[in-house]
Amino acid sequence: MKDQRTIHSKNYKKGSFQNLSLTPTMAPDVSFFHILKDMFRRPKSIRPPHIIPSVKTDLKSLSSKEPLIVWFGHSSYLIHCNGKNILVDPVFSGYASPLSFMIKAFNGSNIYSADDMPEIDLLVLTHNHYDHMDIHTLNKLKGKTKNYLTTIGVKRSLESLDIPSHKITDLDWWEKKEYDDHLKLTATPARHFSGRGIKRGRSLWASFVLEMEGYKIFIGGDSGYDTHFKLIGDTFGPFDLAILECGQYNTSWPFIHMMPEETVQACLDLNAVILLPVHWSKFALANHPWDEPIQRVKHAAEQKGLKITAPMIGEPIMIRKEQLNEEQTASDNYLQKEWWRLDL
């Protein structure tokens, strides 16, 4: 049953939510049979040959007046700043599928659980796909989560988990929620789709602009490349950090996920100082080599003179204003080390 928020959204048309631009799920010359055939011929390189290195950080003792980000692989990460904890798209069950034996996490990538999380001031869900919205994890986190922020249509799913309605805010694109004088989020467009079964588009997908303690961070969610990045950059930029997807791409679905080079361009469109590339290093949802996304992003960023940061899973990174204003070469790139080179 459609709620009033859905019915009255200008982004809801012809029975489903729509993107700003025409967005076919697959390329015009690609069939479902073609994709299925490719799935049965997946190369071994889609998964790492060895255990992924990681860092086990005590998340409950974090203390920083500047934004501190801890990435958990794929699109799950914690943003800590001045006593507040914001958790984005947590998936800690070890799989990204309705069935536990499918789309399993890479060996070594799932070292964090819901029990490791601190008290969560705000849990953000960008959309309802299994690799972003994990019911098992949400159930585990209910007792330590104060507030939830998501998109129109997802609120019903959270309420079905016995999460009180007053804790949940669902936004349409360009709507904002101010939690206090130092924490504000605005839902902004993304080019993607939603659905946890056959039916698609019953809930909205989004990116978010996080304004926190004088910093601006772009929470990208999932998105194909389009003009909305420049629109968001012109409206809210500059950003101190853009967290953008760089993996799970394929020429068979070029409109709903970005190629790594497009990720770099999107960061430039947003007018962001630093790029944190995510949506890789935990699940194989496409057929590219598991480490190809970061290699291509790193190369494209160097070509464009863009700073990137690529921490290990669990490795805290801190964003400071004085760092952002420093003159640095593209080779600095905030890279801790090329930890993904498992053959060295």
Protein backbone atom coordinates (compact mmCIF):
# COMPACT_ATOMS: atom_id res chain seq x y z
CA MET A 1 0.00 0.00 0.00
CA LYS A 2 1.38 3.39 -1.03
CA ASP A 3 1.72 6.03 1.67
CA GLN A 4 0.87 9.69 1.18
CA ARG A 5 4.55 10.68 1.01
CA THR A 6 4.99 8.39 -1.98
CA ILE A 7 1.85 9.50 -3.78
CA HIS A 8 2.66 13.20 -3.43
CA SER A 9 6.34 12.97 -4.36
CA LYS A 10 7.09 14.65 -7.69
CA ASN A 11 9.68 11.93 -8.23
CA TYR A 12 6.98 9.23 -8.18
CA LYS A 13 5.40 8.68 -11.59
CA LYS A 14 3.63 5.83 -13.36
CA GLY A 15 3.70 3.59 -10.30
CA SER A 16 7.38 3.94 -9.35
CA PHE A 17 10.04 6.45 -8.41
CA GLN A 18 11.99 7.87 -11.35
CA ASN A 19 15.48 9.23 -11.96
CA LEU A 20 16.09 12.76 -13.21
CA SER A 21 17.30 11.30 -16.53
CA LEU A 22 16.02 8.30 -18.45
CA THR A 23 17.85 5.39 -16.81
CA PRO A 24 17.51 1.89 -18.29
CA THR A 25 18.73 -0.79 -15.90
CA MET A 26 20.69 -2.44 -18.71
CA ALA A 27 22.42 -1.15 -21.83
CA PRO A 28 20.15 -1.12 -24.91
CA ASP A 29 21.93 -4.04 -26.62
CA VAL A 30 22.09 -6.25 -23.51
CA SER A 31 19.57 -8.94 -22.57
CA PHE A 32 18.92 -10.66 -19.28
CA PHE A 33 20.19 -13.89 -20.89
CA HIS A 34 23.47 -12.14 -21.75
CA ILE A 35 23.97 -11.06 -18.12
CA LEU A 36 23.04 -14.52 -16.83
CA LYS A 37 25.55 -16.14 -19.18
CA ASP A 38 28.28 -13.78 -17.96
CA MET A 39 27.44 -14.62 -14.35
CA PHE A 40 28.12 -18.30 -15.01
CA ARG A 41 31.50 -17.46 -16.57
CA ARG A 42 32.83 -15.20 -13.85
CA PRO A 43 36.64 -15.09 -13.57
CA LYS A 44 38.41 -16.08 -10.35
CA SER A 45 39.85 -12.57 -10.12
CA ILE A 46 36.51 -11.17 -8.89
CA ARG A 47 37.56 -12.35 -5.41
CA PRO A 48 40.92 -11.61 -3.73
CA PRO A 49 43.46 -14.47 -3.77
CA HIS A 50 44.35 -13.98 -0.10
CA ILE A 51 42.81 -12.64 3.10
CA ILE A 52 42.14 -8.92 2.89
CA PRO A 53 44.23 -6.98 5.45
CA SER A 54 42.32 -4.89 7.95
CA VAL A 55 42.58 -2.96 11.20
CA LYS A 56 40.45 -3.65 14.26
CA THR A 57 39.73 -0.24 15.79
CA ASP A 58 38.00 0.25 19.13
CA LEU A 59 35.03 2.22 17.80
CA LYS A 60 33.60 2.85 21.25
CA SER A 61 36.59 4.93 22.30
CA LEU A 62 36.79 7.25 19.27
CA SER A 63 37.37 10.88 20.16
CA SER A 64 37.88 13.61 17.57
CA LYS A 65 36.64 17.16 17.03
CA GLU A 66 37.19 16.75 13.28
CA PRO A 67 35.37 14.18 11.14
CA LEU A 68 36.89 10.73 11.55
CA ILE A 69 35.75 8.03 9.13
CA VAL A 70 36.08 4.27 9.54
CA TRP A 71 35.21 2.21 6.46
CA PHE A 72 33.97 -1.37 6.88
CA GLY A 73 34.22 -2.44 3.24
CA HIS A 74 31.72 -1.94 0.41
CA SER A 75 29.43 0.99 1.36
CA SER A 76 29.34 0.68 5.16
CA TYR A 77 31.16 3.30 7.21
CA LEU A 78 31.07 5.21 10.48
CA ILE A 79 31.50 8.98 10.66
CA HIS A 80 32.52 10.22 14.13
CA CYS A 81 32.82 13.89 15.01
CA ASN A 82 32.73 15.74 18.33
CA GLY A 83 30.97 12.97 20.23
CA LYS A 84 28.43 12.09 17.52
CA ASN A 85 28.37 8.82 15.57
CA ILE A 86 26.72 8.49 12.15
CA LEU A 87 26.57 5.00 10.63
CA VAL A 88 25.87 4.64 6.91
CA ASP A 89 24.42 1.55 5.16
CA PRO A 90 25.68 -1.04 7.69
CA VAL A 91 25.96 -4.61 6.38
CA PHE A 92 27.63 -6.92 8.90
CA SER A 93 25.83 -10.22 8.26
CA GLY A 94 28.57 -11.49 5.92
CA TYR A 95 26.42 -11.60 2.80
CA ALA A 96 24.53 -9.20 0.53
CA SER A 97 21.57 -11.30 -0.53
CA PRO A 98 18.25 -12.64 0.75
CA LEU A 99 20.02 -16.02 0.98
CA SER A 100 23.03 -16.41 3.28
CA PHE A 101 24.98 -18.67 0.89
CA MET A 102 24.93 -16.10 -1.93
CA ILE A 103 27.14 -13.00 -2.45
CA LYS A 104 29.30 -13.76 0.56
CA ALA A 105 31.86 -11.30 1.92
CA PHE A 106 35.49 -11.68 0.91
CA ASN A 107 37.74 -13.50 3.33
CA GLY A 108 38.92 -10.97 5.92
CA SER A 109 36.50 -8.21 4.95
CA ASN A 110 33.83 -8.93 7.54
CA ILE A 111 35.75 -8.46 10.79
CA TYR A 112 33.26 -5.95 12.24
CA SER A 113 29.88 -6.81 13.70
CA ALA A 114 26.97 -4.87 15.18
CA ASP A 115 28.43 -5.59 18.62
CA ASP A 116 31.53 -3.57 17.71
CA MET A 117 29.51 -0.44 17.00
CA PRO A 118 29.31 2.42 19.51
CA GLU A 119 26.06 4.13 20.39
CA ILE A 120 24.69 5.43 17.09
CA ASP A 121 23.24 8.94 17.03
CA LEU A 122 22.05 8.56 13.44
CA LEU A 123 21.82 5.57 11.10
CA VAL A 124 21.56 6.56 7.42
CA LEU A 125 20.14 4.25 4.74
CA THR A 126 20.63 5.46 1.17
CA HIS A 127 18.31 2.83 -0.38
CA ASN A 128 16.95 -0.64 0.23
CA HIS A 129 19.20 -2.95 -1.80
CA TYR A 130 20.58 -5.93 0.13
CA ASP A 131 24.17 -4.66 -0.02
CA HIS A 132 23.09 -1.41 1.70
CA MET A 133 20.14 -2.39 3.89
CA ASP A 134 20.81 -5.54 5.93
CA ILE A 135 17.83 -6.58 8.06
CA HIS A 136 19.96 -8.86 10.25
CA THR A 137 22.30 -5.95 11.08
CA LEU A 138 19.46 -3.48 11.63
CA ASN A 139 17.85 -5.83 14.12
CA LYS A 140 21.13 -6.17 16.01
CA LEU A 141 21.59 -2.37 16.13
CA LYS A 142 18.08 -1.43 17.30
CA GLY A 143 19.06 -1.18 20.95
CA LYS A 144 21.89 1.31 20.34
CA THR A 145 20.46 3.52 17.55
CA LYS A 146 18.80 6.82 18.48
CA ASN A 147 17.62 8.02 15.06
CA TYR A 148 17.23 6.79 11.48
CA LEU A 149 17.35 8.80 8.27
CA THR A 150 16.31 7.30 4.96
CA THR A 151 14.22 7.86 1.86
CA ILE A 152 10.51 7.78 1.10
CA GLY A 153 9.22 4.22 1.12
CA VAL A 154 11.95 2.71 3.30
CA LYS A 155 10.32 3.90 6.52
CA ARG A 156 7.70 1.14 6.23
CA SER A 157 10.45 -1.49 6.14
CA LEU A 158 12.02 -0.08 9.30
CA GLU A 159 8.68 0.07 11.08
CA SER A 160 8.15 -3.61 10.23
CA LEU A 161 11.24 -4.31 12.37
CA ASP A 162 9.46 -2.71 15.35
CA ILE A 163 11.55 0.43 15.13
CA PRO A 164 9.42 3.28 16.55
CA SER A 165 8.09 5.61 13.87
CA HIS A 166 9.18 8.73 15.78
CA LYS A 167 12.81 7.67 15.40
CA ILE A 168 12.60 7.51 11.60
CA THR A 169 12.79 10.41 9.16
CA ASP A 170 12.17 9.72 5.47
CA LEU A 171 13.14 12.38 2.96
CA ASP A 172 12.42 13.18 -0.65
CA TRP A 173 15.15 14.71 -2.81
CA TRP A 174 16.08 18.24 -1.66
CA GLU A 175 14.33 17.88 1.70
CA LYS A 176 16.46 18.37 4.80
CA LYS A 177 16.50 17.35 8.44
CA GLU A 178 18.21 19.45 11.12
CA TYR A 179 18.98 17.49 14.27
CA ASP A 180 20.67 20.41 16.02
CA ASP A 181 22.75 23.48 15.21
CA HIS A 182 25.73 21.31 14.31
CA LEU A 183 24.11 18.44 12.39
CA LYS A 184 22.02 18.76 9.23
CA LEU A 185 21.41 16.39 6.33
CA THR A 186 19.80 17.02 2.95
CA ALA A 187 18.63 14.24 0.64
CA THR A 188 19.88 14.80 -2.89
CA PRO A 189 19.39 12.93 -6.19
CA ALA A 190 21.18 9.77 -7.26
CA ARG A 191 20.86 7.80 -10.50
CA HIS A 192 19.94 4.30 -9.45
CA PHE A 193 16.88 2.19 -8.53
CA SER A 194 15.42 0.32 -5.56
CA GLY A 195 13.86 -3.04 -4.83
CA ARG A 196 14.37 -6.19 -2.79
CA GLY A 197 12.55 -8.55 -5.13
CA ILE A 198 10.84 -8.52 -8.52
CA LYS A 199 9.12 -5.16 -8.01
CA ARG A 200 11.29 -2.08 -8.37
CA GLY A 201 10.95 1.59 -7.66
CA ARG A 202 8.54 1.36 -4.72
CA SER A 203 10.93 3.34 -2.53
CA LEU A 204 13.33 6.17 -3.32
CA TRP A 205 17.14 6.07 -3.52
CA ALA A 206 19.29 9.06 -2.64
CA SER A 207 22.59 10.64 -1.85
CA PHE A 208 22.94 12.91 1.19
CA VAL A 209 24.71 16.14 2.01
CA LEU A 210 26.02 15.96 5.58
CA GLU A 211 26.79 19.28 7.27
CA MET A 212 28.47 18.62 10.59
CA GLU A 213 30.56 20.83 12.87
CA GLY A 214 31.47 23.18 10.02
CA TYR A 215 32.35 20.39 7.58
CA LYS A 216 30.50 19.22 4.46
CA ILE A 217 30.62 15.56 3.48
CA PHE A 218 28.87 14.04 0.47
CA ILE A 219 27.35 10.61 1.12
CA GLY A 220 26.98 9.19 -2.36
CA GLY A 221 25.06 5.93 -1.96
CA ASP A 222 24.80 4.19 -5.34
CA SER A 223 24.59 6.20 -8.54
CA GLY A 224 25.40 6.19 -12.19
CA TYR A 225 27.11 9.28 -13.55
CA ASP A 226 24.88 12.18 -14.59
CA THR A 227 24.46 15.95 -14.37
CA HIS A 228 23.07 15.79 -10.82
CA PHE A 229 26.61 15.75 -9.38
CA LYS A 230 27.35 19.19 -10.79
CA LEU A 231 23.92 20.41 -9.68
CA ILE A 232 24.64 19.26 -6.12
CA GLY A 233 28.13 20.73 -6.25
CA ASP A 234 26.82 24.08 -7.46
CA THR A 235 24.14 24.08 -4.75
CA PHE A 236 26.10 22.85 -1.71
CA GLY A 237 29.80 22.82 -2.62
CA PRO A 238 32.58 22.92 -1.97
CA PHE A 239 32.74 19.65 -0.04
CA ASP A 240 35.53 18.65 2.31
CA LEU A 241 35.07 14.99 1.36
CA ALA A 242 33.03 13.02 -1.17
CA ILE A 243 32.32 9.36 -0.45
CA LEU A 244 31.48 7.83 -3.83
CA GLU A 245 31.00 4.36 -5.27
CA CYS A 246 33.74 3.09 -7.60
CA GLY A 247 33.02 -0.63 -7.94
CA GLN A 248 30.46 -3.18 -9.20
CA TYR A 249 30.40 -1.55 -12.64
CA ASN A 250 29.83 -3.27 -15.97
CA THR A 251 29.28 -2.11 -19.53
CA SER A 252 26.03 -4.10 -19.38
CA TRP A 253 24.61 -1.66 -16.78
CA PRO A 254 26.42 1.65 -17.48
CA PHE A 255 23.67 3.97 -16.21
CA ILE A 256 23.17 2.72 -12.63
CA HIS A 257 26.80 2.42 -11.48
CA MET A 258 29.82 4.55 -12.32
CA MET A 259 32.99 3.49 -14.01
CA PRO A 260 35.99 4.47 -11.81
CA GLU A 261 36.92 7.32 -14.13
CA GLU A 262 33.38 8.67 -13.80
CA THR A 263 33.75 8.49 -10.02
CA VAL A 264 36.69 10.88 -10.22
CA GLN A 265 34.74 13.21 -12.52
CA ALA A 266 31.75 13.12 -10.18
CA CYS A 267 34.02 14.20 -7.31
CA LEU A 268 35.29 17.09 -9.41
CA ASP A 269 31.70 18.02 -10.35
CA LEU A 270 30.84 18.10 -6.66
CA ASN A 271 33.78 20.44 -6.02
CA ALA A 272 35.10 18.11 -3.32
CA VAL A 273 38.65 18.34 -2.00
CA ILE A 274 39.16 14.64 -1.24
CA LEU A 275 37.60 11.46 -2.64
CA LEU A 276 36.97 8.35 -0.54
CA PRO A 277 36.07 5.56 -3.02
CA VAL A 278 33.75 2.86 -1.66
CA HIS A 279 31.46 0.07 -2.96
CA TRP A 280 34.36 -2.33 -3.44
CA SER A 281 36.56 -4.78 -1.47
CA LYS A 282 33.81 -6.84 0.20
CA PHE A 283 31.26 -8.28 -2.25
CA ALA A 284 31.49 -9.37 -5.88
CA LEU A 285 28.41 -8.00 -7.62
CA ALA A 286 30.12 -7.57 -11.00
CA ASN A 287 32.74 -9.40 -13.06
CA HIS A 288 35.69 -7.02 -12.80
CA PRO A 289 38.80 -8.03 -10.80
CA TRP A 290 38.22 -7.28 -7.12
CA ASP A 291 41.02 -4.65 -6.95
CA GLU A 292 40.49 -3.06 -10.37
CA PRO A 293 38.20 -0.26 -9.03
CA ILE A 294 40.84 1.24 -6.73
CA GLN A 295 43.60 0.92 -9.32
CA ARG A 296 41.55 2.72 -11.96
CA VAL A 297 40.35 5.39 -9.52
CA LYS A 298 43.88 6.02 -8.29
CA HIS A 299 45.19 6.38 -11.86
CA ALA A 300 42.34 8.70 -12.92
CA ALA A 301 42.76 10.82 -9.78
CA GLU A 302 46.47 11.24 -10.45
CA GLN A 303 45.70 12.29 -14.01
CA LYS A 304 43.21 14.92 -12.76
CA GLY A 305 45.23 16.08 -9.74
CA LEU A 306 42.55 14.93 -7.29
CA LYS A 307 43.38 13.86 -3.73
CA ILE A 308 42.03 10.47 -2.69
CA THR A 309 42.15 8.43 0.48
CA ALA A 310 42.02 4.64 0.43
CA PRO A 311 42.20 3.23 3.96
CA MET A 312 42.16 -0.42 4.88
CA ILE A 313 38.94 -1.77 6.31
CA GLY A 314 38.77 -0.47 9.88
CA GLU A 315 41.61 2.05 9.48
CA PRO A 316 40.48 5.48 10.80
CA ILE A 317 41.06 8.51 8.59
CA MET A 318 40.66 12.07 9.82
CA ILE A 319 39.71 15.11 7.76
CA ARG A 320 41.17 18.40 9.03
CA LYS A 321 40.59 21.87 7.63
CA GLU A 322 44.28 22.70 7.79
CA GLN A 323 45.02 19.60 5.69
CA LEU A 324 42.40 20.56 3.17
CA ASN A 325 43.94 23.98 2.69
CA GLU A 326 47.49 22.74 2.29
CA GLU A 327 49.09 22.71 -1.13
CA GLN A 328 49.75 19.07 -1.92
CA THR A 329 50.62 17.21 -5.06
CA ALA A 330 48.41 14.53 -6.52
CA SER A 331 51.03 11.94 -5.52
CA ASP A 332 50.32 12.68 -1.82
CA ASN A 333 46.72 11.63 -2.34
CA TYR A 334 46.14 10.82 1.34
CA LEU A 335 47.02 7.21 0.52
CA GLN A 336 48.17 5.29 3.58
CA LYS A 337 49.63 2.48 1.43
CA GLU A 338 48.58 0.29 -1.46
CA TRP A 339 47.33 -2.42 0.87
CA TRP A 340 45.30 -4.08 -1.90
CA ARG A 341 48.48 -5.31 -3.58
CA LEU A 342 48.23 -8.71 -1.92
CA ASP A 343 50.88 -10.26 -4.13
CA LEU A 344 53.69 -8.14 -2.63
